[in-house]
C-alpha atoms as a PDB file:
ATOM      1  CA  MET A   1      63.408 -85.482   7.892  1.00  0.00           C
ATOM      2  CA  THR A   2      64.897 -83.970   4.739  1.00  0.00           C
ATOM      3  CA  LYS A   3      62.351 -83.840   1.921  1.00  0.00           C
ATOM      4  CA  VAL A   4      63.432 -83.973  -1.718  1.00  0.00           C
ATOM      5  CA  PHE A   5      61.013 -82.793  -4.409  1.00  0.00           C
ATOM      6  CA  VAL A   6      61.607 -85.032  -7.439  1.00  0.00           C
ATOM      7  CA  SER A   7      60.020 -84.024 -10.734  1.00  0.00           C
ATOM      8  CA  GLY A   8      60.636 -83.974 -14.451  1.00  0.00           C
ATOM      9  CA  SER A   9      59.392 -83.833 -17.992  1.00  0.00           C
ATOM     10  CA  MET A  10      56.433 -85.982 -19.001  1.00  0.00           C
ATOM     11  CA  LYS A  11      58.088 -86.871 -22.317  1.00  0.00           C
ATOM     12  CA  ILE A  12      61.059 -88.537 -20.592  1.00  0.00           C
ATOM     13  CA  LYS A  13      60.129 -92.194 -20.120  1.00  0.00           C
ATOM     14  CA  HIS A  14      63.565 -93.645 -19.308  1.00  0.00           C
ATOM     15  CA  LEU A  15      65.819 -92.525 -16.472  1.00  0.00           C
ATOM     16  CA  ASP A  16      69.499 -92.098 -17.314  1.00  0.00           C
ATOM     17  CA  SER A  17      71.907 -94.147 -15.188  1.00  0.00           C
ATOM     18  CA  LYS A  18      73.254 -90.907 -13.684  1.00  0.00           C
ATOM     19  CA  VAL A  19      69.769 -90.046 -12.477  1.00  0.00           C
ATOM     20  CA  VAL A  20      69.266 -93.534 -11.051  1.00  0.00           C
ATOM     21  CA  ASP A  21      72.536 -93.207  -9.119  1.00  0.00           C
ATOM     22  CA  ARG A  22      71.316 -89.948  -7.562  1.00  0.00           C
ATOM     23  CA  LEU A  23      67.986 -91.501  -6.653  1.00  0.00           C
ATOM     24  CA  LYS A  24      69.834 -94.377  -4.996  1.00  0.00           C
ATOM     25  CA  ASN A  25      71.799 -91.874  -2.913  1.00  0.00           C
ATOM     26  CA  ILE A  26      68.551 -90.191  -1.869  1.00  0.00           C
ATOM     27  CA  VAL A  27      66.993 -93.502  -0.817  1.00  0.00           C
ATOM     28  CA  ASP A  28      70.174 -94.693   0.940  1.00  0.00           C
ATOM     29  CA  SER A  29      70.309 -91.391   2.843  1.00  0.00           C
ATOM     30  CA  GLN A  30      66.776 -92.120   4.093  1.00  0.00           C
ATOM     31  CA  TYR A  31      65.440 -88.831   2.773  1.00  0.00           C
ATOM     32  CA  CYS A  32      61.727 -88.485   2.171  1.00  0.00           C
ATOM     33  CA  VAL A  33      60.902 -88.346  -1.537  1.00  0.00           C
ATOM     34  CA  ILE A  34      57.930 -86.219  -2.527  1.00  0.00           C
ATOM     35  CA  VAL A  35      56.898 -86.910  -6.091  1.00  0.00           C
ATOM     36  CA  GLY A  36      54.004 -86.071  -8.378  1.00  0.00           C
ATOM     37  CA  ASP A  37      51.514 -88.383 -10.058  1.00  0.00           C
ATOM     38  CA  ALA A  38      52.108 -87.562 -13.734  1.00  0.00           C
ATOM     39  CA  ASP A  39      53.327 -89.814 -16.526  1.00  0.00           C
ATOM     40  CA  GLY A  40      56.942 -89.577 -17.649  1.00  0.00           C
ATOM     41  CA  VAL A  41      59.587 -88.860 -15.021  1.00  0.00           C
ATOM     42  CA  ASP A  42      57.126 -88.987 -12.103  1.00  0.00           C
ATOM     43  CA  THR A  43      56.008 -92.499 -13.011  1.00  0.00           C
ATOM     44  CA  SER A  44      59.540 -93.672 -13.855  1.00  0.00           C
ATOM     45  CA  VAL A  45      60.750 -92.448 -10.468  1.00  0.00           C
ATOM     46  CA  GLN A  46      57.847 -94.201  -8.772  1.00  0.00           C
ATOM     47  CA  GLU A  47      58.755 -97.428 -10.587  1.00  0.00           C
ATOM     48  CA  TYR A  48      62.344 -97.189  -9.356  1.00  0.00           C
ATOM     49  CA  LEU A  49      61.319 -96.405  -5.781  1.00  0.00           C
ATOM     50  CA  LYS A  50      58.887 -99.330  -5.770  1.00  0.00           C
ATOM     51  CA  LYS A  51      61.616-101.723  -6.963  1.00  0.00           C
ATOM     52  CA  GLN A  52      63.899-100.447  -4.218  1.00  0.00           C
ATOM     53  CA  GLY A  53      61.225-101.010  -1.601  1.00  0.00           C
ATOM     54  CA  ALA A  54      61.332 -97.334  -0.608  1.00  0.00           C
ATOM     55  CA  THR A  55      58.798 -96.468   2.078  1.00  0.00           C
ATOM     56  CA  SER A  56      59.584 -92.815   2.786  1.00  0.00           C
ATOM     57  CA  VAL A  57      57.617 -91.543  -0.186  1.00  0.00           C
ATOM     58  CA  VAL A  58      54.659 -89.180  -0.493  1.00  0.00           C
ATOM     59  CA  VAL A  59      52.743 -88.823  -3.775  1.00  0.00           C
ATOM     60  CA  TYR A  60      51.225 -85.396  -4.363  1.00  0.00           C
ATOM     61  CA  CYS A  61      48.188 -84.853  -6.550  1.00  0.00           C
ATOM     62  CA  SER A  62      45.746 -82.090  -7.377  1.00  0.00           C
ATOM     63  CA  GLY A  63      42.233 -83.103  -6.481  1.00  0.00           C
ATOM     64  CA  GLU A  64      41.122 -86.296  -4.782  1.00  0.00           C
ATOM     65  CA  THR A  65      42.790 -89.196  -6.606  1.00  0.00           C
ATOM     66  CA  PRO A  66      46.381 -89.545  -7.899  1.00  0.00           C
ATOM     67  CA  ARG A  67      46.775 -90.594 -11.521  1.00  0.00           C
ATOM     68  CA  ASN A  68      49.702 -92.823 -10.567  1.00  0.00           C
ATOM     69  CA  ASN A  69      50.702 -94.215  -7.168  1.00  0.00           C
ATOM     70  CA  LEU A  70      52.584 -97.396  -8.027  1.00  0.00           C
ATOM     71  CA  GLY A  71      53.806 -98.116  -4.509  1.00  0.00           C
ATOM     72  CA  ARG A  72      50.527 -97.268  -2.806  1.00  0.00           C
ATOM     73  CA  TRP A  73      52.372 -94.738  -0.691  1.00  0.00           C
ATOM     74  CA  MET A  74      50.873 -91.997   1.412  1.00  0.00           C
ATOM     75  CA  THR A  75      49.281 -89.260  -0.687  1.00  0.00           C
ATOM     76  CA  LYS A  76      48.862 -85.543  -0.206  1.00  0.00           C
ATOM     77  CA  ASN A  77      45.826 -84.160  -1.958  1.00  0.00           C
ATOM     78  CA  VAL A  78      46.092 -80.490  -2.864  1.00  0.00           C
ATOM     79  CA  ALA A  79      42.793 -78.647  -3.064  1.00  0.00           C
ATOM     80  CA  THR A  80      42.351 -76.186  -5.909  1.00  0.00           C
ATOM     81  CA  THR A  81      39.460 -74.254  -7.400  1.00  0.00           C
ATOM     82  CA  SER A  82      40.977 -74.415 -10.890  1.00  0.00           C
ATOM     83  CA  LYS A  83      39.271 -76.472 -13.577  1.00  0.00           C
ATOM     84  CA  PRO A  84      40.478 -80.115 -13.553  1.00  0.00           C
ATOM     85  CA  GLY A  85      42.990 -80.863 -16.281  1.00  0.00           C
ATOM     86  CA  THR A  86      44.159 -77.278 -16.728  1.00  0.00           C
ATOM     87  CA  ARG A  87      47.693 -76.002 -16.173  1.00  0.00           C
ATOM     88  CA  ASP A  88      46.596 -74.062 -13.070  1.00  0.00           C
ATOM     89  CA  TYR A  89      44.982 -77.215 -11.686  1.00  0.00           C
ATOM     90  CA  PHE A  90      48.240 -79.191 -11.772  1.00  0.00           C
ATOM     91  CA  THR A  91      50.404 -76.191 -10.864  1.00  0.00           C
ATOM     92  CA  ALA A  92      48.654 -76.026  -7.470  1.00  0.00           C
ATOM     93  CA  LYS A  93      50.229 -79.398  -6.606  1.00  0.00           C
ATOM     94  CA  ASP A  94      53.666 -78.335  -7.843  1.00  0.00           C
ATOM     95  CA  LYS A  95      53.651 -75.120  -5.821  1.00  0.00           C
ATOM     96  CA  THR A  96      52.753 -77.044  -2.671  1.00  0.00           C
ATOM     97  CA  MET A  97      55.605 -79.484  -3.309  1.00  0.00           C
ATOM     98  CA  ALA A  98      58.026 -76.584  -3.781  1.00  0.00           C
ATOM     99  CA  GLU A  99      56.838 -75.158  -0.468  1.00  0.00           C
ATOM    100  CA  ASP A 100      57.050 -78.459   1.431  1.00  0.00           C
ATOM    101  CA  CYS A 101      60.470 -79.643   0.245  1.00  0.00           C
ATOM    102  CA  ASP A 102      63.982 -78.851   1.388  1.00  0.00           C
ATOM    103  CA  TYR A 103      65.643 -79.489  -1.981  1.00  0.00           C
ATOM    104  CA  GLY A 104      64.614 -80.222  -5.555  1.00  0.00           C
ATOM    105  CA  PHE A 105      65.862 -82.875  -7.984  1.00  0.00           C
ATOM    106  CA  MET A 106      64.621 -82.535 -11.550  1.00  0.00           C
ATOM    107  CA  VAL A 107      65.068 -84.311 -14.858  1.00  0.00           C
ATOM    108  CA  TRP A 108      64.473 -81.884 -17.731  1.00  0.00           C
ATOM    109  CA  ASP A 109      64.220 -82.218 -21.496  1.00  0.00           C
ATOM    110  CA  ALA A 110      65.058 -78.523 -22.107  1.00  0.00           C
ATOM    111  CA  ARG A 111      61.462 -77.998 -23.256  1.00  0.00           C
ATOM    112  CA  SER A 112      59.059 -78.825 -20.428  1.00  0.00           C
ATOM    113  CA  THR A 113      57.590 -75.659 -18.942  1.00  0.00           C
ATOM    114  CA  GLY A 114      56.319 -77.514 -15.870  1.00  0.00           C
ATOM    115  CA  THR A 115      59.777 -78.653 -14.799  1.00  0.00           C
ATOM    116  CA  LEU A 116      61.262 -75.244 -15.593  1.00  0.00           C
ATOM    117  CA  SER A 117      58.533 -73.593 -13.552  1.00  0.00           C
ATOM    118  CA  ASN A 118      59.325 -75.877 -10.602  1.00  0.00           C
ATOM    119  CA  ALA A 119      62.974 -74.802 -10.691  1.00  0.00           C
ATOM    120  CA  VAL A 120      61.913 -71.147 -10.705  1.00  0.00           C
ATOM    121  CA  GLU A 121      59.517 -71.759  -7.805  1.00  0.00           C
ATOM    122  CA  LEU A 122      62.354 -73.206  -5.711  1.00  0.00           C
ATOM    123  CA  VAL A 123      64.725 -70.337  -6.497  1.00  0.00           C
ATOM    124  CA  GLU A 124      62.027 -67.825  -5.563  1.00  0.00           C
ATOM    125  CA  ARG A 125      61.765 -69.591  -2.197  1.00  0.00           C
ATOM    126  CA  GLY A 126      65.529 -69.516  -1.644  1.00  0.00           C
ATOM    127  CA  LYS A 127      65.882 -73.260  -2.172  1.00  0.00           C
ATOM    128  CA  VAL A 128      68.302 -75.268  -4.314  1.00  0.00           C
ATOM    129  CA  ALA A 129      67.461 -77.600  -7.172  1.00  0.00           C
ATOM    130  CA  LEU A 130      69.730 -80.077  -8.905  1.00  0.00           C
ATOM    131  CA  VAL A 131      68.588 -80.240 -12.526  1.00  0.00           C
ATOM    132  CA  TYR A 132      69.677 -82.993 -14.892  1.00  0.00           C
ATOM    133  CA  VAL A 133      69.503 -81.688 -18.459  1.00  0.00           C
ATOM    134  CA  ASN A 134      68.697 -84.917 -20.229  1.00  0.00           C
ATOM    135  CA  LYS A 135      69.885 -84.038 -23.740  1.00  0.00           C
ATOM    136  CA  ALA A 136      73.218 -82.700 -22.474  1.00  0.00           C
ATOM    137  CA  LYS A 137      73.721 -85.496 -19.893  1.00  0.00           C
ATOM    138  CA  GLN A 138      74.704 -82.780 -17.447  1.00  0.00           C
ATOM    139  CA  PHE A 139      73.782 -81.820 -13.880  1.00  0.00           C
ATOM    140  CA  LEU A 140      73.308 -78.169 -12.989  1.00  0.00           C
ATOM    141  CA  LYS A 141      72.900 -76.809  -9.474  1.00  0.00           C
ATOM    142  CA  VAL A 142      70.241 -74.100  -9.601  1.00  0.00           C
ATOM    143  CA  LYS A 143      70.144 -71.702  -6.669  1.00  0.00           C
ATOM    144  CA  GLY A 144      69.869 -68.222  -8.186  1.00  0.00           C
ATOM    145  CA  VAL A 145      68.622 -66.208 -11.121  1.00  0.00           C
ATOM    146  CA  GLN A 146      71.893 -66.606 -13.038  1.00  0.00           C
ATOM    147  CA  ASP A 147      71.432 -70.371 -12.842  1.00  0.00           C
ATOM    148  CA  ILE A 148      67.917 -70.052 -14.278  1.00  0.00           C
ATOM    149  CA  GLU A 149      69.425 -68.133 -17.192  1.00  0.00           C
ATOM    150  CA  VAL A 150      71.877 -70.983 -17.749  1.00  0.00           C
ATOM    151  CA  LEU A 151      68.902 -73.358 -18.002  1.00  0.00           C
ATOM    152  CA  LEU A 152      67.221 -71.084 -20.513  1.00  0.00           C
ATOM    153  CA  ALA A 153      70.378 -71.198 -22.650  1.00  0.00           C
ATOM    154  CA  PHE A 154      69.705 -74.900 -23.273  1.00  0.00           C
ATOM    155  CA  MET A 155      66.320 -74.151 -24.826  1.00  0.00           C
ATOM    156  CA  SER A 156      65.657 -73.580 -28.495  1.00  0.00           C
ATOM    157  CA  ASP A 157      64.208 -70.195 -29.410  1.00  0.00           C
ATOM    158  CA  THR A 158      60.865 -71.863 -30.116  1.00  0.00           C
ATOM    159  CA  SER A 159      60.770 -73.683 -26.766  1.00  0.00           C
ATOM    160  CA  LEU A 160      61.754 -70.539 -24.886  1.00  0.00           C
ATOM    161  CA  LYS A 161      59.024 -68.553 -26.628  1.00  0.00           C
ATOM    162  CA  LYS A 162      56.421 -71.174 -25.700  1.00  0.00           C
ATOM    163  CA  ALA A 163      57.639 -71.264 -22.111  1.00  0.00           C
ATOM    164  CA  ASP A 164      57.430 -67.504 -21.873  1.00  0.00           C
ATOM    165  CA  GLU A 165      53.896 -67.527 -23.242  1.00  0.00           C
ATOM    166  CA  LYS A 166      52.809 -70.190 -20.749  1.00  0.00           C
ATOM    167  CA  ILE A 167      54.601 -69.199 -17.529  1.00  0.00           C
ATOM    168  CA  GLU A 168      56.121 -65.758 -18.276  1.00  0.00           C
ATOM    169  CA  VAL A 169      59.549 -67.072 -17.377  1.00  0.00           C
ATOM    170  CA  LEU A 170      61.418 -64.047 -18.761  1.00  0.00           C
ATOM    171  CA  LYS A 171      59.276 -61.720 -16.681  1.00  0.00           C
ATOM    172  CA  LYS A 172      60.011 -63.802 -13.579  1.00  0.00           C
ATOM    173  CA  VAL A 173      63.753 -63.796 -14.322  1.00  0.00           C
ATOM    174  CA  GLY A 174      63.634 -60.027 -14.760  1.00  0.00           C
ATOM    175  CA  ALA A 175      61.841 -59.612 -11.432  1.00  0.00           C
ATOM    176  CA  MET A 176      64.405 -61.784  -9.636  1.00  0.00           C
ATOM    177  CA  LYS A 177      67.294 -59.845 -11.198  1.00  0.00           C
ATOM    178  CA  PHE A 178      65.704 -56.560 -10.138  1.00  0.00           C
ATOM    179  CA  ALA A 179      65.287 -57.854  -6.563  1.00  0.00           C
ATOM    180  CA  GLN A 180      68.910 -58.993  -6.562  1.00  0.00           C
ATOM    181  CA  HIS A 181      70.081 -55.620  -7.840  1.00  0.00           C
ATOM    182  CA  ASP A 182      68.014 -53.854  -5.190  1.00  0.00           C
ATOM    183  CA  LEU A 183      69.468 -56.106  -2.462  1.00  0.00           C
ATOM    184  CA  PHE A 184      73.141 -55.871  -3.366  1.00  0.00           C
ATOM    185  CA  GLY A 185      73.234 -52.522  -5.124  1.00  0.00           C
ATOM    186  CA  THR A 186      74.895 -54.107  -8.154  1.00  0.00           C
ATOM    187  CA  GLU A 187      73.888 -56.569 -10.810  1.00  0.00           C
ATOM    188  CA  GLN A 188      76.210 -59.297 -11.999  1.00  0.00           C
ATOM    189  CA  SER A 189      76.269 -59.858 -15.735  1.00  0.00           C
ATOM    190  CA  ALA A 190      74.402 -63.054 -16.572  1.00  0.00           C
ATOM    191  CA  ALA A 191      76.497 -63.439 -19.712  1.00  0.00           C
ATOM    192  CA  ALA A 192      79.644 -63.452 -17.609  1.00  0.00           C
ATOM    193  CA  ALA A 193      78.122 -65.967 -15.201  1.00  0.00           C
ATOM    194  CA  ARG A 194      76.940 -68.363 -17.900  1.00  0.00           C
ATOM    195  CA  PRO A 195      79.357 -71.261 -18.480  1.00  0.00           C
ATOM    196  CA  GLN A 196      80.438 -71.667 -22.088  1.00  0.00           C
ATOM    197  CA  LYS A 197      79.534 -75.360 -21.907  1.00  0.00           C
ATOM    198  CA  ALA A 198      75.905 -74.471 -21.264  1.00  0.00           C
ATOM    199  CA  VAL A 199      75.754 -72.161 -24.264  1.00  0.00           C
ATOM    200  CA  ALA A 200      77.278 -74.838 -26.436  1.00  0.00           C
ATOM    201  CA  GLY A 201      74.629 -77.261 -25.233  1.00  0.00           C
ATOM    202  CA  ARG A 202      71.831 -75.369 -26.959  1.00  0.00           C
END
């Protein structure tokens, strides 16, 4: 069964109608939704799935007990030696979800480092994520390093600096570009690949 990793920013409490339509398509297609247990998008998605009577859902959590499991669905507990409550503690769950899924669907506020990190994790695994940039009301298909750079173009300088300090996103992008250059023997210009609309959305 196709598994879709749904995640998003904790500060987003309301799902846009465009996001709800996509979730409906996922449920109607009888895909398995794997979702986290955080507040924000995770909980909002759980609320929608519960209302729809969705049963093909697995809630992932770090440690023994999920913070939120509104539909009392099956859970997958991810063991980690990191200190509870830390970024590494919750990242263990996210990395497992990125590994287990076939595709990603994310709702992003152009600031959240967790959601951005999830998109990077999927690209590093050769998987595709559909990212809804909430402030721009725009979907972006993310499947390569150039697409990650388009996402970064939506961030303010301050948000990008914080993200780089927390998850070293620029270092990861550089590593992916180097690997791409080594594979193909040429490196496409990210500036040329970046849609003007995305730049304007900053």
